[in-house]
Amino acid sequence: MSLKLYLWLTGLASFLALVSFLAILWFFSPENVSGIILILFFLSLFMALCGLFSLIGFYFRHRKHRNKLPNYFLGISFREGTLLSALLVGFLTMKYFGVFAWWTALIFLIIVLAIEMAFLYREE
């Protein structure tokens, strides 16, 4: 698969996830829904943010390092986009279930940073 096709498909998948997220917001109230709708709500938000953050991260890395191959940045951008999306959706999930406090958010942030540091350590 070519790089251009991969980026277009990532953007299309992210757009479709965003449309499904907005459709869930339009047709259902997140305050009183069944479990499956709530799972779809958080999953579609995660997928939309993951694609968006991955594409933004790839764009800025590619502009900064024009002398490197762009395929090198795909994995890094996807990993960091996934972790940032997991962090934001995790915060939103904690807020929904009423367990969001500064210390739970800090613990979750430290876990996500530890995962990123493990990946960075493995790359070197």
Protein backbone atom coordinates (compact mmCIF):
# COMPACT_ATOMS: atom_id res chain seq x y z
CA MET A 1 0.00 0.00 0.00
CA SER A 2 1.35 3.38 -0.90
CA LEU A 3 1.84 6.14 1.62
CA LYS A 4 -0.71 8.41 -0.02
CA LEU A 5 -3.37 5.69 -0.01
CA TYR A 6 -2.65 4.90 3.64
CA LEU A 7 -3.03 8.54 4.64
CA TRP A 8 -6.27 8.92 2.67
CA LEU A 9 -7.73 5.77 4.19
CA THR A 10 -6.73 6.90 7.67
CA GLY A 11 -8.41 10.25 7.07
CA LEU A 12 -11.53 8.56 5.69
CA ALA A 13 -11.75 6.16 8.65
CA SER A 14 -11.26 9.04 11.05
CA PHE A 15 -13.98 11.04 9.30
CA LEU A 16 -16.41 8.11 9.40
CA ALA A 17 -15.69 7.59 13.10
CA LEU A 18 -16.34 11.28 13.70
CA VAL A 19 -19.63 11.07 11.81
CA SER A 20 -20.68 8.05 13.88
CA PHE A 21 -19.67 9.86 17.09
CA LEU A 22 -21.76 12.88 16.10
CA ALA A 23 -24.68 10.61 15.14
CA ILE A 24 -24.57 9.00 18.58
CA LEU A 25 -24.58 12.44 20.16
CA TRP A 26 -27.47 13.53 17.95
CA PHE A 27 -29.73 10.51 18.48
CA PHE A 28 -28.87 9.47 22.04
CA SER A 29 -28.23 11.22 25.31
CA PRO A 30 -25.03 9.84 26.90
CA GLU A 31 -26.59 10.27 30.34
CA ASN A 32 -29.19 7.50 30.04
CA VAL A 33 -28.17 4.98 27.38
CA SER A 34 -27.55 1.27 27.35
CA GLY A 35 -24.08 -0.18 27.70
CA ILE A 36 -23.61 -0.95 23.99
CA ILE A 37 -24.37 2.64 22.97
CA LEU A 38 -21.94 3.90 25.59
CA ILE A 39 -19.23 1.56 24.28
CA LEU A 40 -19.89 2.72 20.71
CA PHE A 41 -19.78 6.33 21.91
CA PHE A 42 -16.34 5.98 23.47
CA LEU A 43 -15.01 3.71 20.70
CA SER A 44 -16.04 6.07 17.90
CA LEU A 45 -14.53 9.02 19.77
CA PHE A 46 -11.32 7.05 20.28
CA MET A 47 -11.07 6.08 16.61
CA ALA A 48 -11.79 9.63 15.41
CA LEU A 49 -9.18 11.13 17.74
CA CYS A 50 -6.65 8.41 16.97
CA GLY A 51 -6.84 9.06 13.24
CA LEU A 52 -6.82 12.82 13.67
CA PHE A 53 -3.85 12.87 16.04
CA SER A 54 -1.96 10.37 13.87
CA LEU A 55 -2.39 12.47 10.75
CA ILE A 56 -1.47 15.70 12.53
CA GLY A 57 1.60 14.09 14.09
CA PHE A 58 2.68 12.64 10.74
CA TYR A 59 2.24 16.01 9.02
CA PHE A 60 4.37 17.90 11.54
CA ARG A 61 7.09 15.22 11.63
CA HIS A 62 7.24 15.07 7.86
CA ARG A 63 7.57 18.85 7.61
CA LYS A 64 10.28 18.99 10.27
CA HIS A 65 12.40 16.12 8.92
CA ARG A 66 12.20 16.30 5.15
CA ASN A 67 15.44 14.34 4.66
CA LYS A 68 14.07 11.12 6.26
CA LEU A 69 11.73 8.67 4.60
CA PRO A 70 8.09 9.39 5.46
CA ASN A 71 7.40 5.71 6.16
CA TYR A 72 9.60 6.04 9.25
CA PHE A 73 7.11 8.42 10.84
CA LEU A 74 3.99 6.30 10.32
CA GLY A 75 4.55 4.02 13.30
CA ILE A 76 5.62 6.82 15.61
CA SER A 77 2.66 9.01 14.66
CA PHE A 78 0.18 6.17 15.01
CA ARG A 79 1.57 5.14 18.40
CA GLU A 80 1.53 8.64 19.82
CA GLY A 81 -1.90 9.37 18.34
CA THR A 82 -3.23 6.18 19.92
CA LEU A 83 -1.75 6.98 23.31
CA LEU A 84 -3.01 10.56 23.29
CA SER A 85 -6.47 9.37 22.23
CA ALA A 86 -6.45 6.74 24.97
CA LEU A 87 -5.49 9.41 27.47
CA LEU A 88 -8.31 11.77 26.46
CA VAL A 89 -10.95 9.05 26.18
CA GLY A 90 -9.75 7.60 29.48
CA PHE A 91 -10.18 10.98 31.15
CA LEU A 92 -13.66 11.30 29.66
CA THR A 93 -14.56 7.78 30.80
CA MET A 94 -13.35 8.52 34.31
CA LYS A 95 -15.42 11.70 34.31
CA TYR A 96 -18.50 9.81 33.11
CA PHE A 97 -18.23 7.22 35.88
CA GLY A 98 -17.47 9.84 38.53
CA VAL A 99 -13.95 8.73 39.43
CA PHE A 100 -12.08 11.62 37.84
CA ALA A 101 -9.90 13.37 40.39
CA TRP A 102 -6.50 14.95 40.04
CA TRP A 103 -4.73 11.94 41.54
CA THR A 104 -6.52 9.36 39.33
CA ALA A 105 -5.80 11.51 36.29
CA LEU A 106 -2.16 11.76 37.35
CA ILE A 107 -1.88 7.98 37.80
CA PHE A 108 -3.41 7.41 34.36
CA LEU A 109 -1.09 10.01 32.82
CA ILE A 110 1.95 8.33 34.42
CA ILE A 111 0.87 4.96 33.02
CA VAL A 112 0.50 6.38 29.51
CA LEU A 113 3.88 8.14 29.79
CA ALA A 114 5.49 4.90 31.01
CA ILE A 115 4.15 3.09 27.95
CA GLU A 116 5.59 5.79 25.68
CA MET A 117 8.94 5.67 27.49
CA ALA A 118 9.02 1.88 27.08
CA PHE A 119 8.57 2.30 23.34
CA LEU A 120 11.22 5.00 23.17
CA TYR A 121 13.64 2.89 25.17
CA ARG A 122 13.04 -0.08 22.89
CA GLU A 123 13.69 2.04 19.76
CA GLU A 124 17.16 3.08 20.92
